[in-house]
């Protein structure tokens, strides 16, 4: 009998954190986690997103989020963390700020990785529930909230782990 083992998940040597591409791979792996079934059964009548933490170690944190129709994050960054997310079911729209708004439509199995300087707003504009998996490195400690006014982003404040989520 042959036993196959996966190579251990390692961080980049110089920083101790994972790259956006590595985080996208991690999000894809967790997209098959059995705990997502609980989120997939969220009623479409819910007006807010629901989330569960799937994993957390100092170098990586993984969340699953259920997005009822019409819900979104608002403009935000992830502090010093890089990240990635994968749509498990449904569809999400990401608007990212890069000297202007850039829109990306994502459906089942599609995802996106990003660096620590990424500011975005993610929304479920469809009529069906969406479920996604998000991976961050290092773990989230704070997120800055923004408001889009005309062609500029204005900082509103900072949410911190333990208080806002």
N, C-alpha and C. Protein backbone atom coordinates (compact mmCIF):
# COMPACT_ATOMS: atom_id res chain seq x y z
N UNK A 1 0.84 -1.17 0.00
CA UNK A 1 0.00 0.00 0.00
C UNK A 1 0.89 1.23 0.00
N UNK A 2 0.53 2.21 -0.81
CA UNK A 2 1.28 3.45 -0.88
C UNK A 2 0.49 4.55 -0.20
N UNK A 3 1.15 5.28 0.64
CA UNK A 3 0.52 6.42 1.30
C UNK A 3 1.05 7.69 0.67
N UNK A 4 0.13 8.52 0.23
CA UNK A 4 0.52 9.80 -0.35
C UNK A 4 0.31 10.89 0.69
N UNK A 5 1.27 11.76 0.79
CA UNK A 5 1.14 12.89 1.70
C UNK A 5 1.35 14.17 0.93
N UNK A 6 0.65 15.19 1.34
CA UNK A 6 0.80 16.49 0.70
C UNK A 6 1.98 17.21 1.30
N UNK A 7 2.61 18.03 0.50
CA UNK A 7 3.70 18.85 1.02
C UNK A 7 3.12 19.82 2.04
N UNK A 8 3.85 20.11 3.10
CA UNK A 8 3.34 21.02 4.12
C UNK A 8 3.16 22.42 3.55
N UNK A 9 2.16 23.12 4.06
CA UNK A 9 1.92 24.50 3.69
C UNK A 9 3.00 25.35 4.33
N UNK A 10 3.76 26.04 3.52
CA UNK A 10 4.85 26.85 4.06
C UNK A 10 4.66 28.30 3.70
N UNK A 11 5.16 29.16 4.53
CA UNK A 11 5.10 30.59 4.29
C UNK A 11 6.31 31.02 3.49
N UNK A 12 6.21 32.20 2.92
CA UNK A 12 7.36 32.73 2.21
C UNK A 12 8.46 32.98 3.22
N UNK A 13 9.70 32.58 2.94
CA UNK A 13 10.77 32.61 3.93
C UNK A 13 11.02 33.97 4.55
N UNK A 14 10.98 35.02 3.77
CA UNK A 14 11.41 36.30 4.34
C UNK A 14 10.34 37.00 5.16
N UNK A 15 9.06 36.73 4.88
CA UNK A 15 8.03 37.50 5.55
C UNK A 15 7.16 36.71 6.51
N UNK A 16 7.13 35.38 6.40
CA UNK A 16 6.27 34.59 7.26
C UNK A 16 4.80 34.67 6.89
N UNK A 17 4.48 35.26 5.74
CA UNK A 17 3.10 35.33 5.29
C UNK A 17 2.99 34.74 3.89
N UNK A 18 1.78 34.44 3.49
CA UNK A 18 1.54 33.83 2.19
C UNK A 18 1.27 34.89 1.12
N UNK A 19 1.57 34.54 -0.11
CA UNK A 19 1.33 35.44 -1.24
C UNK A 19 -0.14 35.36 -1.65
N UNK A 20 -0.63 36.35 -2.42
CA UNK A 20 -2.00 36.27 -2.91
C UNK A 20 -2.28 34.99 -3.70
N UNK A 21 -1.33 34.52 -4.50
CA UNK A 21 -1.54 33.28 -5.25
C UNK A 21 -1.66 32.08 -4.32
N UNK A 22 -0.83 32.03 -3.28
CA UNK A 22 -0.93 30.94 -2.30
C UNK A 22 -2.27 30.99 -1.57
N UNK A 23 -2.71 32.19 -1.23
CA UNK A 23 -3.98 32.35 -0.54
C UNK A 23 -5.15 31.92 -1.43
N UNK A 24 -5.05 32.19 -2.72
CA UNK A 24 -6.09 31.75 -3.64
C UNK A 24 -6.15 30.22 -3.68
N UNK A 25 -4.99 29.57 -3.67
CA UNK A 25 -4.96 28.10 -3.61
C UNK A 25 -5.61 27.59 -2.32
N UNK A 26 -5.30 28.25 -1.21
CA UNK A 26 -5.88 27.85 0.09
C UNK A 26 -7.40 28.02 0.06
N UNK A 27 -7.87 29.15 -0.47
CA UNK A 27 -9.32 29.38 -0.55
C UNK A 27 -9.99 28.30 -1.39
N UNK A 28 -9.37 27.92 -2.51
CA UNK A 28 -9.92 26.85 -3.34
C UNK A 28 -9.99 25.53 -2.57
N UNK A 29 -8.97 25.23 -1.77
CA UNK A 29 -8.99 24.00 -0.97
C UNK A 29 -10.14 23.99 0.03
N UNK A 30 -10.36 25.12 0.69
CA UNK A 30 -11.42 25.19 1.68
C UNK A 30 -12.81 25.31 1.05
N UNK A 31 -12.89 25.54 -0.24
CA UNK A 31 -14.19 25.64 -0.92
C UNK A 31 -14.96 24.33 -0.87
N UNK A 32 -14.30 23.26 -0.47
CA UNK A 32 -14.96 21.95 -0.38
C UNK A 32 -15.20 21.53 1.07
N UNK A 33 -15.02 22.46 2.01
CA UNK A 33 -15.19 22.16 3.43
C UNK A 33 -16.67 21.86 3.73
N UNK A 34 -16.92 20.81 4.48
CA UNK A 34 -18.29 20.40 4.80
C UNK A 34 -19.07 21.46 5.57
N UNK A 35 -18.38 22.34 6.28
CA UNK A 35 -19.07 23.35 7.09
C UNK A 35 -19.77 24.40 6.25
N UNK A 36 -19.46 24.47 4.96
CA UNK A 36 -20.14 25.42 4.08
C UNK A 36 -21.61 25.05 3.88
N UNK A 37 -21.95 23.80 4.12
CA UNK A 37 -23.35 23.37 3.96
C UNK A 37 -24.29 24.17 4.86
N UNK A 38 -23.83 24.52 6.06
CA UNK A 38 -24.66 25.30 6.97
C UNK A 38 -24.94 26.69 6.40
N UNK A 39 -23.97 27.28 5.73
CA UNK A 39 -24.16 28.60 5.14
C UNK A 39 -25.06 28.54 3.91
N UNK A 40 -24.98 27.46 3.17
CA UNK A 40 -25.78 27.33 1.95
C UNK A 40 -27.28 27.25 2.25
N UNK A 41 -27.62 26.97 3.51
CA UNK A 41 -29.04 26.86 3.87
C UNK A 41 -29.60 28.15 4.48
N UNK A 42 -28.80 29.22 4.49
CA UNK A 42 -29.28 30.50 5.02
C UNK A 42 -30.48 30.96 4.19
N UNK A 43 -31.50 31.44 4.85
CA UNK A 43 -32.70 31.90 4.15
C UNK A 43 -32.39 33.12 3.29
N UNK A 44 -33.00 33.15 2.12
CA UNK A 44 -32.80 34.30 1.24
C UNK A 44 -33.44 35.56 1.82
N UNK A 45 -34.25 35.42 2.88
CA UNK A 45 -34.89 36.57 3.52
C UNK A 45 -33.95 37.32 4.46
N UNK A 46 -32.82 36.73 4.79
CA UNK A 46 -31.87 37.39 5.69
C UNK A 46 -31.36 38.67 5.02
N UNK A 47 -31.19 39.70 5.80
CA UNK A 47 -30.75 40.98 5.27
C UNK A 47 -29.26 41.21 5.47
N UNK A 48 -28.58 40.31 6.17
CA UNK A 48 -27.16 40.50 6.46
C UNK A 48 -26.36 39.26 6.08
N UNK A 49 -25.07 39.48 5.88
CA UNK A 49 -24.16 38.37 5.61
C UNK A 49 -23.96 37.55 6.89
N UNK A 50 -23.62 36.29 6.71
CA UNK A 50 -23.27 35.41 7.83
C UNK A 50 -21.91 34.82 7.52
N UNK A 51 -21.08 34.62 8.56
CA UNK A 51 -19.76 34.06 8.32
C UNK A 51 -19.36 33.11 9.43
N UNK A 52 -18.46 32.20 9.05
CA UNK A 52 -17.85 31.30 10.03
C UNK A 52 -16.35 31.24 9.75
N UNK A 53 -15.59 31.16 10.82
CA UNK A 53 -14.14 31.02 10.68
C UNK A 53 -13.84 29.54 10.49
N UNK A 54 -13.17 29.21 9.39
CA UNK A 54 -12.85 27.81 9.09
C UNK A 54 -11.49 27.40 9.64
N UNK A 55 -10.55 28.35 9.71
CA UNK A 55 -9.20 28.04 10.20
C UNK A 55 -8.51 29.34 10.60
N UNK A 56 -7.65 29.24 11.60
CA UNK A 56 -6.87 30.41 12.00
C UNK A 56 -5.58 29.96 12.69
N UNK A 57 -4.47 30.31 12.07
CA UNK A 57 -3.14 30.17 12.66
C UNK A 57 -2.48 31.51 12.41
N UNK A 58 -1.37 31.83 13.05
CA UNK A 58 -0.80 33.16 12.88
C UNK A 58 -0.56 33.59 11.43
N UNK A 59 -0.21 32.66 10.56
CA UNK A 59 0.12 33.04 9.19
C UNK A 59 -1.08 33.05 8.25
N UNK A 60 -2.16 32.36 8.60
CA UNK A 60 -3.31 32.24 7.69
C UNK A 60 -4.62 32.20 8.47
N UNK A 61 -5.61 32.88 7.93
CA UNK A 61 -6.96 32.83 8.49
C UNK A 61 -7.92 32.59 7.33
N UNK A 62 -8.90 31.69 7.52
CA UNK A 62 -9.83 31.35 6.45
C UNK A 62 -11.26 31.51 6.98
N UNK A 63 -12.08 32.21 6.20
CA UNK A 63 -13.48 32.46 6.54
C UNK A 63 -14.37 31.99 5.41
N UNK A 64 -15.58 31.58 5.74
CA UNK A 64 -16.63 31.34 4.75
C UNK A 64 -17.74 32.35 5.02
N UNK A 65 -18.28 32.91 3.94
CA UNK A 65 -19.31 33.94 4.06
C UNK A 65 -20.51 33.58 3.19
N UNK A 66 -21.72 33.71 3.77
CA UNK A 66 -22.96 33.59 3.01
C UNK A 66 -23.48 35.00 2.73
N UNK A 67 -23.81 35.24 1.48
CA UNK A 67 -24.24 36.56 1.01
C UNK A 67 -25.68 36.49 0.50
N UNK A 68 -26.67 36.86 1.31
CA UNK A 68 -28.02 36.96 0.75
C UNK A 68 -28.06 38.03 -0.35
N UNK A 69 -29.03 37.94 -1.21
CA UNK A 69 -29.17 38.90 -2.30
C UNK A 69 -29.18 40.33 -1.76
N UNK A 70 -28.44 41.20 -2.41
CA UNK A 70 -28.42 42.61 -2.04
C UNK A 70 -27.44 42.98 -0.94
N UNK A 71 -26.69 42.03 -0.41
CA UNK A 71 -25.74 42.36 0.66
C UNK A 71 -24.36 42.66 0.09
N UNK A 72 -23.57 43.39 0.87
CA UNK A 72 -22.22 43.73 0.45
C UNK A 72 -21.38 44.16 1.64
N UNK A 73 -20.12 44.41 1.36
CA UNK A 73 -19.18 44.75 2.42
C UNK A 73 -19.04 46.24 2.65
N UNK A 74 -19.29 47.05 1.64
CA UNK A 74 -18.87 48.44 1.68
C UNK A 74 -17.38 48.49 1.37
N UNK A 75 -16.89 49.66 1.07
CA UNK A 75 -15.47 49.82 0.71
C UNK A 75 -14.61 49.59 1.94
N UNK A 76 -13.55 48.78 1.80
CA UNK A 76 -12.67 48.47 2.93
C UNK A 76 -11.34 47.91 2.42
N UNK A 77 -10.35 47.91 3.31
CA UNK A 77 -9.10 47.19 3.05
C UNK A 77 -8.96 46.13 4.15
N UNK A 78 -7.84 45.45 4.17
CA UNK A 78 -7.63 44.38 5.16
C UNK A 78 -6.39 44.64 6.00
N UNK A 79 -6.12 45.91 6.29
CA UNK A 79 -4.96 46.25 7.10
C UNK A 79 -3.69 45.77 6.43
N UNK A 80 -2.84 45.07 7.16
CA UNK A 80 -1.57 44.60 6.61
C UNK A 80 -1.69 43.25 5.91
N UNK A 81 -2.89 42.67 5.91
CA UNK A 81 -3.08 41.33 5.35
C UNK A 81 -3.29 41.36 3.84
N UNK A 82 -2.68 40.39 3.17
CA UNK A 82 -3.03 40.07 1.78
C UNK A 82 -4.20 39.11 1.85
N UNK A 83 -4.88 38.90 0.73
CA UNK A 83 -6.03 38.03 0.77
C UNK A 83 -6.38 37.41 -0.56
N UNK A 84 -7.39 36.59 -0.52
CA UNK A 84 -7.97 35.97 -1.72
C UNK A 84 -9.35 35.48 -1.36
N UNK A 85 -10.22 35.42 -2.37
CA UNK A 85 -11.52 34.81 -2.14
C UNK A 85 -11.97 34.05 -3.38
N UNK A 86 -12.79 33.04 -3.12
CA UNK A 86 -13.32 32.16 -4.16
C UNK A 86 -14.83 32.08 -3.98
N UNK A 87 -15.57 32.23 -5.06
CA UNK A 87 -17.02 32.04 -5.03
C UNK A 87 -17.30 30.54 -5.09
N UNK A 88 -17.97 30.03 -4.09
CA UNK A 88 -18.31 28.61 -4.03
C UNK A 88 -19.64 28.36 -4.75
N UNK A 89 -20.59 29.25 -4.55
CA UNK A 89 -21.87 29.15 -5.26
C UNK A 89 -22.45 30.55 -5.41
N UNK A 90 -23.23 30.73 -6.45
CA UNK A 90 -23.81 32.04 -6.71
C UNK A 90 -22.85 32.92 -7.47
N UNK A 91 -23.01 34.22 -7.30
CA UNK A 91 -22.17 35.20 -8.01
C UNK A 91 -21.92 36.40 -7.11
N UNK A 92 -20.71 36.95 -7.21
CA UNK A 92 -20.34 38.17 -6.49
C UNK A 92 -19.74 39.16 -7.47
N UNK A 93 -19.89 40.43 -7.14
CA UNK A 93 -19.27 41.51 -7.91
C UNK A 93 -18.28 42.21 -7.00
N UNK A 94 -17.05 42.33 -7.46
CA UNK A 94 -16.05 43.09 -6.72
C UNK A 94 -15.78 44.38 -7.47
N UNK A 95 -15.87 45.49 -6.74
CA UNK A 95 -15.40 46.76 -7.24
C UNK A 95 -14.11 47.07 -6.48
N UNK A 96 -13.02 47.23 -7.21
CA UNK A 96 -11.73 47.50 -6.58
C UNK A 96 -11.27 48.89 -6.96
N UNK A 97 -10.55 49.52 -6.04
CA UNK A 97 -10.05 50.86 -6.27
C UNK A 97 -8.61 50.81 -6.75
N UNK A 98 -8.38 51.28 -7.97
CA UNK A 98 -7.04 51.41 -8.55
C UNK A 98 -7.02 52.72 -9.32
N UNK A 99 -6.93 53.84 -8.60
CA UNK A 99 -7.05 55.16 -9.23
C UNK A 99 -8.34 55.25 -10.02
N UNK A 100 -9.37 54.68 -9.52
CA UNK A 100 -10.68 54.59 -10.14
C UNK A 100 -11.25 53.22 -9.85
N UNK A 101 -12.51 53.04 -10.14
CA UNK A 101 -13.20 51.79 -9.83
C UNK A 101 -13.04 50.81 -10.99
N UNK A 102 -12.66 49.57 -10.64
CA UNK A 102 -12.60 48.47 -11.61
C UNK A 102 -13.52 47.36 -11.12
N UNK A 103 -14.39 46.91 -11.99
CA UNK A 103 -15.38 45.89 -11.63
C UNK A 103 -14.96 44.52 -12.14
N UNK A 104 -15.14 43.50 -11.28
CA UNK A 104 -14.90 42.11 -11.66
C UNK A 104 -16.12 41.30 -11.24
N UNK A 105 -16.70 40.56 -12.17
CA UNK A 105 -17.81 39.66 -11.88
C UNK A 105 -17.26 38.26 -11.69
N UNK A 106 -17.63 37.61 -10.59
CA UNK A 106 -17.12 36.28 -10.26
C UNK A 106 -18.28 35.33 -10.00
N UNK A 107 -18.18 34.11 -10.57
CA UNK A 107 -19.19 33.09 -10.37
C UNK A 107 -18.54 31.82 -9.83
N UNK A 108 -19.33 30.77 -9.69
CA UNK A 108 -18.89 29.49 -9.12
C UNK A 108 -17.48 29.10 -9.54
N UNK A 109 -16.61 28.90 -8.55
CA UNK A 109 -15.25 28.43 -8.81
C UNK A 109 -14.25 29.51 -9.15
N UNK A 110 -14.72 30.72 -9.41
CA UNK A 110 -13.80 31.81 -9.75
C UNK A 110 -13.36 32.53 -8.48
N UNK A 111 -12.14 33.06 -8.51
CA UNK A 111 -11.62 33.76 -7.36
C UNK A 111 -10.63 34.82 -7.75
N UNK A 112 -10.12 35.49 -6.72
CA UNK A 112 -9.19 36.59 -6.94
C UNK A 112 -8.28 36.72 -5.72
N UNK A 113 -6.99 36.93 -5.96
CA UNK A 113 -6.04 37.21 -4.90
C UNK A 113 -5.63 38.67 -4.95
N UNK A 114 -5.20 39.21 -3.80
CA UNK A 114 -4.83 40.63 -3.75
C UNK A 114 -3.84 40.89 -2.64
N UNK A 115 -3.09 41.97 -2.81
CA UNK A 115 -2.09 42.37 -1.82
C UNK A 115 -2.69 43.23 -0.72
N UNK A 116 -1.84 43.60 0.22
CA UNK A 116 -2.29 44.35 1.40
C UNK A 116 -2.79 45.75 1.07
N UNK A 117 -2.46 46.26 -0.10
CA UNK A 117 -2.87 47.61 -0.46
C UNK A 117 -4.22 47.64 -1.18
N UNK A 118 -4.92 46.53 -1.23
CA UNK A 118 -6.16 46.38 -2.00
C UNK A 118 -7.35 46.97 -1.24
N UNK A 119 -8.08 47.86 -1.88
CA UNK A 119 -9.31 48.42 -1.32
C UNK A 119 -10.45 48.00 -2.25
N UNK A 120 -11.50 47.40 -1.67
CA UNK A 120 -12.59 46.93 -2.52
C UNK A 120 -13.93 46.92 -1.80
N UNK A 121 -14.97 46.71 -2.60
CA UNK A 121 -16.33 46.54 -2.14
C UNK A 121 -16.86 45.30 -2.84
N UNK A 122 -17.29 44.30 -2.09
CA UNK A 122 -17.80 43.05 -2.67
C UNK A 122 -19.30 42.98 -2.39
N UNK A 123 -20.08 42.61 -3.42
CA UNK A 123 -21.53 42.60 -3.29
C UNK A 123 -22.14 41.39 -3.99
N UNK A 124 -23.29 40.97 -3.48
CA UNK A 124 -24.13 40.00 -4.17
C UNK A 124 -25.26 40.79 -4.81
N UNK A 125 -25.14 41.04 -6.10
CA UNK A 125 -26.16 41.79 -6.82
C UNK A 125 -27.19 40.87 -7.47
N UNK A 126 -26.99 39.56 -7.33
CA UNK A 126 -27.91 38.59 -7.93
C UNK A 126 -29.12 38.35 -7.05
N UNK A 127 -29.99 37.47 -7.52
CA UNK A 127 -31.21 37.16 -6.78
C UNK A 127 -31.07 35.92 -5.89
N UNK A 128 -29.97 35.19 -6.03
CA UNK A 128 -29.74 33.97 -5.26
C UNK A 128 -28.67 34.17 -4.19
N UNK A 129 -28.70 33.35 -3.16
CA UNK A 129 -27.67 33.35 -2.13
C UNK A 129 -26.32 33.02 -2.76
N UNK A 130 -25.28 33.70 -2.35
CA UNK A 130 -23.91 33.37 -2.76
C UNK A 130 -23.13 32.93 -1.53
N UNK A 131 -22.18 32.01 -1.73
CA UNK A 131 -21.29 31.56 -0.66
C UNK A 131 -19.87 31.68 -1.18
N UNK A 132 -18.98 32.19 -0.33
CA UNK A 132 -17.58 32.36 -0.74
C UNK A 132 -16.65 31.97 0.40
N UNK A 133 -15.40 31.69 0.04
CA UNK A 133 -14.35 31.39 1.01
C UNK A 133 -13.26 32.43 0.85
N UNK A 134 -12.78 32.97 1.98
CA UNK A 134 -11.78 34.04 1.99
C UNK A 134 -10.59 33.60 2.84
N UNK A 135 -9.38 33.84 2.34
CA UNK A 135 -8.15 33.51 3.07
C UNK A 135 -7.31 34.77 3.21
N UNK A 136 -6.74 34.98 4.38
CA UNK A 136 -5.93 36.17 4.66
C UNK A 136 -4.62 35.77 5.32
N UNK A 137 -3.59 36.55 5.02
CA UNK A 137 -2.28 36.32 5.64
C UNK A 137 -1.54 37.64 5.76
N UNK A 138 -1.08 37.99 6.97
CA UNK A 138 -1.34 37.30 8.24
C UNK A 138 -2.82 37.43 8.61
N UNK A 139 -3.21 36.91 9.77
CA UNK A 139 -4.61 36.97 10.18
C UNK A 139 -5.08 38.42 10.26
N UNK A 140 -6.38 38.60 10.06
CA UNK A 140 -6.95 39.95 10.10
C UNK A 140 -6.92 40.51 11.51
N UNK A 141 -6.39 41.70 11.65
CA UNK A 141 -6.43 42.39 12.93
C UNK A 141 -7.24 43.67 12.83
N UNK A 142 -7.28 44.26 11.64
CA UNK A 142 -8.08 45.46 11.44
C UNK A 142 -8.43 45.63 9.97
N UNK A 143 -9.50 46.37 9.74
CA UNK A 143 -9.93 46.71 8.39
C UNK A 143 -10.34 48.17 8.39
N UNK A 144 -9.82 48.93 7.45
CA UNK A 144 -10.20 50.33 7.32
C UNK A 144 -11.41 50.42 6.40
N UNK A 145 -12.41 51.19 6.81
CA UNK A 145 -13.62 51.41 6.02
C UNK A 145 -13.49 52.74 5.27
N UNK A 146 -14.04 52.75 4.06
CA UNK A 146 -13.98 53.93 3.20
C UNK A 146 -15.36 54.24 2.64
N UNK A 147 -15.49 55.46 2.13
CA UNK A 147 -16.69 55.86 1.40
C UNK A 147 -16.25 56.45 0.07
N UNK A 148 -16.91 56.05 -0.99
CA UNK A 148 -16.62 56.60 -2.31
C UNK A 148 -17.46 57.85 -2.50
N UNK A 149 -16.78 58.97 -2.71
CA UNK A 149 -17.45 60.25 -2.97
C UNK A 149 -16.90 60.80 -4.27
N UNK A 150 -17.72 60.75 -5.30
CA UNK A 150 -17.26 61.19 -6.61
C UNK A 150 -16.18 60.26 -7.12
N UNK A 151 -15.00 60.82 -7.34
CA UNK A 151 -13.88 60.00 -7.83
C UNK A 151 -12.79 59.82 -6.78
N UNK A 152 -13.19 59.90 -5.49
CA UNK A 152 -12.21 59.75 -4.40
C UNK A 152 -12.76 58.86 -3.30
N UNK A 153 -11.84 58.15 -2.65
CA UNK A 153 -12.18 57.37 -1.47
C UNK A 153 -11.84 58.19 -0.24
N UNK A 154 -12.75 58.21 0.72
CA UNK A 154 -12.52 58.91 1.98
C UNK A 154 -12.57 57.91 3.12
N UNK A 155 -11.57 57.98 3.98
CA UNK A 155 -11.47 57.06 5.11
C UNK A 155 -12.54 57.38 6.15
N UNK A 156 -13.26 56.35 6.59
CA UNK A 156 -14.31 56.53 7.59
C UNK A 156 -13.87 56.11 8.98
N UNK A 157 -13.06 55.06 9.07
CA UNK A 157 -12.64 54.56 10.37
C UNK A 157 -12.04 53.18 10.25
N UNK A 158 -11.64 52.62 11.39
CA UNK A 158 -10.99 51.32 11.41
C UNK A 158 -11.78 50.37 12.31
N UNK A 159 -12.11 49.20 11.78
CA UNK A 159 -12.74 48.13 12.56
C UNK A 159 -11.65 47.18 13.03
N UNK A 160 -11.75 46.69 14.26
CA UNK A 160 -10.72 45.80 14.79
C UNK A 160 -11.30 44.44 15.14
N UNK A 161 -10.45 43.42 15.04
CA UNK A 161 -10.85 42.05 15.38
C UNK A 161 -11.28 42.01 16.84
N UNK A 162 -12.31 41.24 17.11
CA UNK A 162 -12.82 41.14 18.47
C UNK A 162 -13.93 42.14 18.75
N UNK A 163 -13.94 43.24 18.01
CA UNK A 163 -15.00 44.23 18.17
C UNK A 163 -16.00 44.18 17.02
N UNK A 164 -15.47 44.19 15.80
CA UNK A 164 -16.33 44.27 14.61
C UNK A 164 -16.67 42.90 14.03
N UNK A 165 -15.86 41.92 14.33
CA UNK A 165 -16.12 40.55 13.84
C UNK A 165 -15.52 39.54 14.78
